[in-house]
Amino acid sequence: MPGVPRIEVNPKIMLGKPVIQGTRIPVDLLLRKLGEGAATKDLLDAYPHLTRQDIQAALTYAAVSLSHEETLVFDLPAAAEG
């Protein structure tokens, strides 16, 4: 998968979880907070080293990651009625 500027994946930092470059702030943390309704301003206040560009990079990383995901579809037999 191609890299996304501002996102770092290093096995020596947070066990290889994607983080904002130069920090230990995991991408999934930012995405979870945004999903729970946090505003960008809330994140910037909570994490002073974070920038708007970092938050945008986290969203881009998630989109790129999902675009490379494979979906497997299985035809499962119907459950037997008993």
PDB file of N, CA and C in Angstrom:
ATOM      1  N   MET A   1       0.848  -1.177   0.000  1.00  0.00           N
ATOM      2  CA  MET A   1       0.000   0.000   0.000  1.00  0.00           C
ATOM      3  C   MET A   1       0.889   1.234   0.000  1.00  0.00           C
ATOM      4  N   PRO A   2       0.575   2.212  -0.842  1.00  0.00           N
ATOM      5  CA  PRO A   2       1.393   3.419  -0.859  1.00  0.00           C
ATOM      6  C   PRO A   2       1.274   4.180   0.455  1.00  0.00           C
ATOM      7  N   GLY A   3       2.341   4.874   0.810  1.00  0.00           N
ATOM      8  CA  GLY A   3       2.330   5.639   2.047  1.00  0.00           C
ATOM      9  C   GLY A   3       1.468   6.877   1.939  1.00  0.00           C
ATOM     10  N   VAL A   4       1.060   7.383   3.059  1.00  0.00           N
ATOM     11  CA  VAL A   4       0.306   8.622   3.145  1.00  0.00           C
ATOM     12  C   VAL A   4       1.167   9.601   3.916  1.00  0.00           C
ATOM     13  N   PRO A   5       1.439  10.777   3.338  1.00  0.00           N
ATOM     14  CA  PRO A   5       2.246  11.754   4.069  1.00  0.00           C
ATOM     15  C   PRO A   5       1.678  12.008   5.457  1.00  0.00           C
ATOM     16  N   ARG A   6       2.559  12.170   6.413  1.00  0.00           N
ATOM     17  CA  ARG A   6       2.246  12.457   7.818  1.00  0.00           C
ATOM     18  C   ARG A   6       1.894  11.207   8.626  1.00  0.00           C
ATOM     19  N   ILE A   7       1.738  10.060   7.966  1.00  0.00           N
ATOM     20  CA  ILE A   7       1.418   8.826   8.686  1.00  0.00           C
ATOM     21  C   ILE A   7       2.652   7.934   8.688  1.00  0.00           C
ATOM     22  N   GLU A   8       2.984   7.423   9.856  1.00  0.00           N
ATOM     23  CA  GLU A   8       4.175   6.595  10.015  1.00  0.00           C
ATOM     24  C   GLU A   8       3.771   5.218  10.541  1.00  0.00           C
ATOM     25  N   VAL A   9       4.363   4.190   9.951  1.00  0.00           N
ATOM     26  CA  VAL A   9       4.172   2.818  10.432  1.00  0.00           C
ATOM     27  C   VAL A   9       5.562   2.272  10.713  1.00  0.00           C
ATOM     28  N   ASN A  10       5.841   2.072  12.001  1.00  0.00           N
ATOM     29  CA  ASN A  10       7.168   1.641  12.435  1.00  0.00           C
ATOM     30  C   ASN A  10       6.984   0.624  13.558  1.00  0.00           C
ATOM     31  N   PRO A  11       7.524  -0.586  13.391  1.00  0.00           N
ATOM     32  CA  PRO A  11       7.335  -1.608  14.426  1.00  0.00           C
ATOM     33  C   PRO A  11       7.861  -1.195  15.803  1.00  0.00           C
ATOM     34  N   LYS A  12       8.723  -0.191  15.849  1.00  0.00           N
ATOM     35  CA  LYS A  12       9.273   0.257  17.135  1.00  0.00           C
ATOM     36  C   LYS A  12       8.405   1.331  17.800  1.00  0.00           C
ATOM     37  N   ILE A  13       7.365   1.786  17.097  1.00  0.00           N
ATOM     38  CA  ILE A  13       6.475   2.811  17.656  1.00  0.00           C
ATOM     39  C   ILE A  13       5.069   2.237  17.732  1.00  0.00           C
ATOM     40  N   MET A  14       4.513   2.165  18.921  1.00  0.00           N
ATOM     41  CA  MET A  14       3.159   1.670  19.150  1.00  0.00           C
ATOM     42  C   MET A  14       2.930   0.299  18.501  1.00  0.00           C
ATOM     43  N   LEU A  15       3.960  -0.551  18.541  1.00  0.00           N
ATOM     44  CA  LEU A  15       3.887  -1.916  18.009  1.00  0.00           C
ATOM     45  C   LEU A  15       3.510  -1.953  16.524  1.00  0.00           C
ATOM     46  N   GLY A  16       3.883  -0.890  15.799  1.00  0.00           N
ATOM     47  CA  GLY A  16       3.646  -0.867  14.361  1.00  0.00           C
ATOM     48  C   GLY A  16       2.301  -0.321  13.936  1.00  0.00           C
ATOM     49  N   LYS A  17       1.501   0.158  14.887  1.00  0.00           N
ATOM     50  CA  LYS A  17       0.225   0.768  14.515  1.00  0.00           C
ATOM     51  C   LYS A  17       0.506   2.054  13.748  1.00  0.00           C
ATOM     52  N   PRO A  18      -0.305   2.397  12.770  1.00  0.00           N
ATOM     53  CA  PRO A  18      -0.123   3.675  12.075  1.00  0.00           C
ATOM     54  C   PRO A  18      -0.341   4.833  13.048  1.00  0.00           C
ATOM     55  N   VAL A  19       0.600   5.763  13.068  1.00  0.00           N
ATOM     56  CA  VAL A  19       0.525   6.928  13.950  1.00  0.00           C
ATOM     57  C   VAL A  19       0.789   8.194  13.145  1.00  0.00           C
ATOM     58  N   ILE A  20       0.445   9.317  13.730  1.00  0.00           N
ATOM     59  CA  ILE A  20       0.812  10.598  13.144  1.00  0.00           C
ATOM     60  C   ILE A  20       2.319  10.734  13.291  1.00  0.00           C
ATOM     61  N   GLN A  21       2.977  11.029  12.188  1.00  0.00           N
ATOM     62  CA  GLN A  21       4.444  11.085  12.162  1.00  0.00           C
ATOM     63  C   GLN A  21       4.975  12.011  13.249  1.00  0.00           C
ATOM     64  N   GLY A  22       5.994  11.522  13.959  1.00  0.00           N
ATOM     65  CA  GLY A  22       6.627  12.301  15.021  1.00  0.00           C
ATOM     66  C   GLY A  22       5.870  12.292  16.335  1.00  0.00           C
ATOM     67  N   THR A  23       4.786  11.508  16.396  1.00  0.00           N
ATOM     68  CA  THR A  23       4.006  11.412  17.637  1.00  0.00           C
ATOM     69  C   THR A  23       3.753   9.942  17.945  1.00  0.00           C
ATOM     70  N   ARG A  24       3.060   9.719  19.029  1.00  0.00           N
ATOM     71  CA  ARG A  24       2.587   8.368  19.351  1.00  0.00           C
ATOM     72  C   ARG A  24       1.056   8.359  19.317  1.00  0.00           C
ATOM     73  N   ILE A  25       0.484   9.255  18.513  1.00  0.00           N
ATOM     74  CA  ILE A  25      -0.971   9.352  18.390  1.00  0.00           C
ATOM     75  C   ILE A  25      -1.424   8.407  17.279  1.00  0.00           C
ATOM     76  N   PRO A  26      -2.114   7.319  17.633  1.00  0.00           N
ATOM     77  CA  PRO A  26      -2.539   6.352  16.618  1.00  0.00           C
ATOM     78  C   PRO A  26      -3.665   6.893  15.729  1.00  0.00           C
ATOM     79  N   VAL A  27      -3.599   6.535  14.470  1.00  0.00           N
ATOM     80  CA  VAL A  27      -4.633   6.918  13.508  1.00  0.00           C
ATOM     81  C   VAL A  27      -5.994   6.421  13.977  1.00  0.00           C
ATOM     82  N   ASP A  28      -6.064   5.184  14.467  1.00  0.00           N
ATOM     83  CA  ASP A  28      -7.360   4.638  14.869  1.00  0.00           C
ATOM     84  C   ASP A  28      -7.977   5.414  16.031  1.00  0.00           C
ATOM     85  N   LEU A  29      -7.161   5.992  16.894  1.00  0.00           N
ATOM     86  CA  LEU A  29      -7.681   6.805  17.989  1.00  0.00           C
ATOM     87  C   LEU A  29      -8.399   8.031  17.432  1.00  0.00           C
ATOM     88  N   LEU A  30      -7.749   8.702  16.481  1.00  0.00           N
ATOM     89  CA  LEU A  30      -8.362   9.893  15.894  1.00  0.00           C
ATOM     90  C   LEU A  30      -9.652   9.542  15.166  1.00  0.00           C
ATOM     91  N   LEU A  31      -9.636   8.448  14.415  1.00  0.00           N
ATOM     92  CA  LEU A  31     -10.831   8.035  13.689  1.00  0.00           C
ATOM     93  C   LEU A  31     -11.963   7.689  14.649  1.00  0.00           C
ATOM     94  N   ARG A  32     -11.631   6.993  15.732  1.00  0.00           N
ATOM     95  CA  ARG A  32     -12.653   6.635  16.719  1.00  0.00           C
ATOM     96  C   ARG A  32     -13.260   7.890  17.348  1.00  0.00           C
ATOM     97  N   LYS A  33     -12.402   8.835  17.717  1.00  0.00           N
ATOM     98  CA  LYS A  33     -12.893  10.078  18.332  1.00  0.00           C
ATOM     99  C   LYS A  33     -13.803  10.844  17.370  1.00  0.00           C
ATOM    100  N   LEU A  34     -13.385  10.934  16.089  1.00  0.00           N
ATOM    101  CA  LEU A  34     -14.207  11.609  15.092  1.00  0.00           C
ATOM    102  C   LEU A  34     -15.539  10.876  14.919  1.00  0.00           C
ATOM    103  N   GLY A  35     -15.488   9.550  14.891  1.00  0.00           N
ATOM    104  CA  GLY A  35     -16.697   8.744  14.758  1.00  0.00           C
ATOM    105  C   GLY A  35     -17.647   8.900  15.935  1.00  0.00           C
ATOM    106  N   GLU A  36     -17.088   9.184  17.098  1.00  0.00           N
ATOM    107  CA  GLU A  36     -17.907   9.391  18.298  1.00  0.00           C
ATOM    108  C   GLU A  36     -18.461  10.809  18.376  1.00  0.00           C
ATOM    109  N   GLY A  37     -18.104  11.646  17.383  1.00  0.00           N
ATOM    110  CA  GLY A  37     -18.664  12.990  17.338  1.00  0.00           C
ATOM    111  C   GLY A  37     -17.730  14.108  17.736  1.00  0.00           C
ATOM    112  N   ALA A  38     -16.481  13.797  18.032  1.00  0.00           N
ATOM    113  CA  ALA A  38     -15.532  14.856  18.388  1.00  0.00           C
ATOM    114  C   ALA A  38     -15.313  15.770  17.180  1.00  0.00           C
ATOM    115  N   ALA A  39     -15.213  17.044  17.436  1.00  0.00           N
ATOM    116  CA  ALA A  39     -14.921  18.012  16.384  1.00  0.00           C
ATOM    117  C   ALA A  39     -13.406  18.122  16.225  1.00  0.00           C
ATOM    118  N   THR A  40     -12.995  18.580  15.063  1.00  0.00           N
ATOM    119  CA  THR A  40     -11.563  18.779  14.820  1.00  0.00           C
ATOM    120  C   THR A  40     -10.963  19.652  15.908  1.00  0.00           C
ATOM    121  N   LYS A  41     -11.678  20.705  16.291  1.00  0.00           N
ATOM    122  CA  LYS A  41     -11.180  21.604  17.335  1.00  0.00           C
ATOM    123  C   LYS A  41     -10.950  20.863  18.645  1.00  0.00           C
ATOM    124  N   ASP A  42     -11.830  19.937  18.975  1.00  0.00           N
ATOM    125  CA  ASP A  42     -11.671  19.138  20.202  1.00  0.00           C
ATOM    126  C   ASP A  42     -10.356  18.368  20.174  1.00  0.00           C
ATOM    127  N   LEU A  43     -10.067  17.748  19.021  1.00  0.00           N
ATOM    128  CA  LEU A  43      -8.827  16.974  18.894  1.00  0.00           C
ATOM    129  C   LEU A  43      -7.610  17.882  18.948  1.00  0.00           C
ATOM    130  N   LEU A  44      -7.692  19.033  18.308  1.00  0.00           N
ATOM    131  CA  LEU A  44      -6.563  19.967  18.329  1.00  0.00           C
ATOM    132  C   LEU A  44      -6.303  20.490  19.738  1.00  0.00           C
ATOM    133  N   ASP A  45      -7.373  20.682  20.495  1.00  0.00           N
ATOM    134  CA  ASP A  45      -7.222  21.120  21.890  1.00  0.00           C
ATOM    135  C   ASP A  45      -6.642  20.011  22.762  1.00  0.00           C
ATOM    136  N   ALA A  46      -7.088  18.788  22.539  1.00  0.00           N
ATOM    137  CA  ALA A  46      -6.643  17.661  23.361  1.00  0.00           C
ATOM    138  C   ALA A  46      -5.210  17.238  23.048  1.00  0.00           C
ATOM    139  N   TYR A  47      -4.795  17.416  21.806  1.00  0.00           N
ATOM    140  CA  TYR A  47      -3.459  17.001  21.361  1.00  0.00           C
ATOM    141  C   TYR A  47      -2.765  18.203  20.719  1.00  0.00           C
ATOM    142  N   PRO A  48      -2.073  19.019  21.517  1.00  0.00           N
ATOM    143  CA  PRO A  48      -1.490  20.275  21.021  1.00  0.00           C
ATOM    144  C   PRO A  48      -0.504  20.114  19.856  1.00  0.00           C
ATOM    145  N   HIS A  49       0.128  18.962  19.718  1.00  0.00           N
ATOM    146  CA  HIS A  49       1.089  18.775  18.628  1.00  0.00           C
ATOM    147  C   HIS A  49       0.403  18.398  17.314  1.00  0.00           C
ATOM    148  N   LEU A  50      -0.895  18.158  17.374  1.00  0.00           N
ATOM    149  CA  LEU A  50      -1.670  17.736  16.210  1.00  0.00           C
ATOM    150  C   LEU A  50      -2.047  18.948  15.362  1.00  0.00           C
ATOM    151  N   THR A  51      -2.113  18.759  14.047  1.00  0.00           N
ATOM    152  CA  THR A  51      -2.547  19.823  13.136  1.00  0.00           C
ATOM    153  C   THR A  51      -3.765  19.346  12.344  1.00  0.00           C
ATOM    154  N   ARG A  52      -4.433  20.273  11.715  1.00  0.00           N
ATOM    155  CA  ARG A  52      -5.563  19.910  10.849  1.00  0.00           C
ATOM    156  C   ARG A  52      -5.106  18.972   9.735  1.00  0.00           C
ATOM    157  N   GLN A  53      -3.901  19.208   9.230  1.00  0.00           N
ATOM    158  CA  GLN A  53      -3.354  18.359   8.169  1.00  0.00           C
ATOM    159  C   GLN A  53      -3.135  16.932   8.665  1.00  0.00           C
ATOM    160  N   ASP A  54      -2.773  16.782   9.948  1.00  0.00           N
ATOM    161  CA  ASP A  54      -2.601  15.448  10.528  1.00  0.00           C
ATOM    162  C   ASP A  54      -3.937  14.701  10.564  1.00  0.00           C
ATOM    163  N   ILE A  55      -4.989  15.397  10.944  1.00  0.00           N
ATOM    164  CA  ILE A  55      -6.314  14.774  11.004  1.00  0.00           C
ATOM    165  C   ILE A  55      -6.763  14.388   9.598  1.00  0.00           C
ATOM    166  N   GLN A  56      -6.526  15.271   8.631  1.00  0.00           N
ATOM    167  CA  GLN A  56      -6.870  14.955   7.245  1.00  0.00           C
ATOM    168  C   GLN A  56      -6.076  13.746   6.757  1.00  0.00           C
ATOM    169  N   ALA A  57      -4.807  13.663   7.143  1.00  0.00           N
ATOM    170  CA  ALA A  57      -3.973  12.519   6.756  1.00  0.00           C
ATOM    171  C   ALA A  57      -4.517  11.225   7.348  1.00  0.00           C
ATOM    172  N   ALA A  58      -5.013  11.269   8.581  1.00  0.00           N
ATOM    173  CA  ALA A  58      -5.587  10.077   9.209  1.00  0.00           C
ATOM    174  C   ALA A  58      -6.810   9.602   8.427  1.00  0.00           C
ATOM    175  N   LEU A  59      -7.649  10.540   8.004  1.00  0.00           N
ATOM    176  CA  LEU A  59      -8.824  10.183   7.202  1.00  0.00           C
ATOM    177  C   LEU A  59      -8.407   9.611   5.853  1.00  0.00           C
ATOM    178  N   THR A  60      -7.409  10.204   5.237  1.00  0.00           N
ATOM    179  CA  THR A  60      -6.912   9.712   3.949  1.00  0.00           C
ATOM    180  C   THR A  60      -6.335   8.314   4.108  1.00  0.00           C
ATOM    181  N   TYR A  61      -5.581   8.101   5.180  1.00  0.00           N
ATOM    182  CA  TYR A  61      -5.001   6.779   5.433  1.00  0.00           C
ATOM    183  C   TYR A  61      -6.108   5.725   5.548  1.00  0.00           C
ATOM    184  N   ALA A  62      -7.169   6.059   6.274  1.00  0.00           N
ATOM    185  CA  ALA A  62      -8.278   5.110   6.434  1.00  0.00           C
ATOM    186  C   ALA A  62      -8.922   4.807   5.082  1.00  0.00           C
ATOM    187  N   ALA A  63      -9.129   5.829   4.268  1.00  0.00           N
ATOM    188  CA  ALA A  63      -9.743   5.624   2.953  1.00  0.00           C
ATOM    189  C   ALA A  63      -8.858   4.756   2.063  1.00  0.00           C
ATOM    190  N   VAL A  64      -7.557   5.030   2.064  1.00  0.00           N
ATOM    191  CA  VAL A  64      -6.626   4.247   1.252  1.00  0.00           C
ATOM    192  C   VAL A  64      -6.589   2.801   1.746  1.00  0.00           C
ATOM    193  N   SER A  65      -6.572   2.623   3.053  1.00  0.00           N
ATOM    194  CA  SER A  65      -6.551   1.274   3.619  1.00  0.00           C
ATOM    195  C   SER A  65      -7.793   0.486   3.217  1.00  0.00           C
ATOM    196  N   LEU A  66      -8.947   1.108   3.308  1.00  0.00           N
ATOM    197  CA  LEU A  66     -10.186   0.429   2.944  1.00  0.00           C
ATOM    198  C   LEU A  66     -10.263   0.139   1.455  1.00  0.00           C
ATOM    199  N   SER A  67      -9.681   0.993   0.650  1.00  0.00           N
ATOM    200  CA  SER A  67      -9.744   0.772  -0.798  1.00  0.00           C
ATOM    201  C   SER A  67      -8.897  -0.422  -1.219  1.00  0.00           C
ATOM    202  N   HIS A  68      -7.971  -0.841  -0.369  1.00  0.00           N
ATOM    203  CA  HIS A  68      -7.128  -1.992  -0.675  1.00  0.00           C
ATOM    204  C   HIS A  68      -7.605  -3.265   0.031  1.00  0.00           C
ATOM    205  N   GLU A  69      -8.708  -3.172   0.737  1.00  0.00           N
ATOM    206  CA  GLU A  69      -9.245  -4.315   1.468  1.00  0.00           C
ATOM    207  C   GLU A  69      -9.962  -5.249   0.504  1.00  0.00           C
ATOM    208  N   GLU A  70      -9.864  -6.537   0.746  1.00  0.00           N
ATOM    209  CA  GLU A  70     -10.567  -7.527  -0.068  1.00  0.00           C
ATOM    210  C   GLU A  70     -11.777  -8.035   0.695  1.00  0.00           C
ATOM    211  N   THR A  71     -12.857  -8.217  -0.012  1.00  0.00           N
ATOM    212  CA  THR A  71     -14.070  -8.755   0.595  1.00  0.00           C
ATOM    213  C   THR A  71     -14.304 -10.153   0.042  1.00  0.00           C
ATOM    214  N   LEU A  72     -14.480 -11.084   0.927  1.00  0.00           N
ATOM    215  CA  LEU A  72     -14.751 -12.462   0.539  1.00  0.00           C
ATOM    216  C   LEU A  72     -16.226 -12.754   0.789  1.00  0.00           C
ATOM    217  N   VAL A  73     -16.888 -13.338  -0.202  1.00  0.00           N
ATOM    218  CA  VAL A  73     -18.296 -13.678  -0.072  1.00  0.00           C
ATOM    219  C   VAL A  73     -18.417 -15.197  -0.158  1.00  0.00           C
ATOM    220  N   PHE A  74     -19.066 -15.777   0.813  1.00  0.00           N
ATOM    221  CA  PHE A  74     -19.246 -17.218   0.867  1.00  0.00           C
ATOM    222  C   PHE A  74     -20.724 -17.550   0.695  1.00  0.00           C
ATOM    223  N   ASP A  75     -21.014 -18.574  -0.074  1.00  0.00           N
ATOM    224  CA  ASP A  75     -22.361 -19.103  -0.141  1.00  0.00           C
ATOM    225  C   ASP A  75     -22.474 -20.183   0.922  1.00  0.00           C
ATOM    226  N   LEU A  76     -23.142 -19.863   1.985  1.00  0.00           N
ATOM    227  CA  LEU A  76     -23.320 -20.816   3.073  1.00  0.00           C
ATOM    228  C   LEU A  76     -24.664 -21.524   2.909  1.00  0.00           C
ATOM    229  N   PRO A  77     -24.700 -22.820   3.126  1.00  0.00           N
ATOM    230  CA  PRO A  77     -25.979 -23.524   3.031  1.00  0.00           C
ATOM    231  C   PRO A  77     -26.938 -23.007   4.106  1.00  0.00           C
ATOM    232  N   ALA A  78     -28.208 -22.997   3.771  1.00  0.00           N
ATOM    233  CA  ALA A  78     -29.222 -22.552   4.731  1.00  0.00           C
ATOM    234  C   ALA A  78     -29.210 -23.483   5.931  1.00  0.00           C
ATOM    235  N   ALA A  79     -29.445 -22.937   7.075  1.00  0.00           N
ATOM    236  CA  ALA A  79     -29.472 -23.750   8.299  1.00  0.00           C
ATOM    237  C   ALA A  79     -30.609 -24.756   8.208  1.00  0.00           C
ATOM    238  N   ALA A  80     -30.344 -25.963   8.603  1.00  0.00           N
ATOM    239  CA  ALA A  80     -31.364 -27.014   8.576  1.00  0.00           C
ATOM    240  C   ALA A  80     -32.404 -26.734   9.649  1.00  0.00           C
ATOM    241  N   GLU A  81     -33.651 -26.845   9.246  1.00  0.00           N
ATOM    242  CA  GLU A  81     -34.718 -26.627  10.229  1.00  0.00           C
ATOM    243  C   GLU A  81     -34.936 -27.925  10.991  1.00  0.00           C
ATOM    244  N   GLY A  82     -35.094 -27.806  12.250  1.00  0.00           N
ATOM    245  CA  GLY A  82     -35.222 -29.033  12.998  1.00  0.00           C
ATOM    246  C   GLY A  82     -36.281 -29.067  13.948  1.00  0.00           C
TER     247      GLY A  82
END
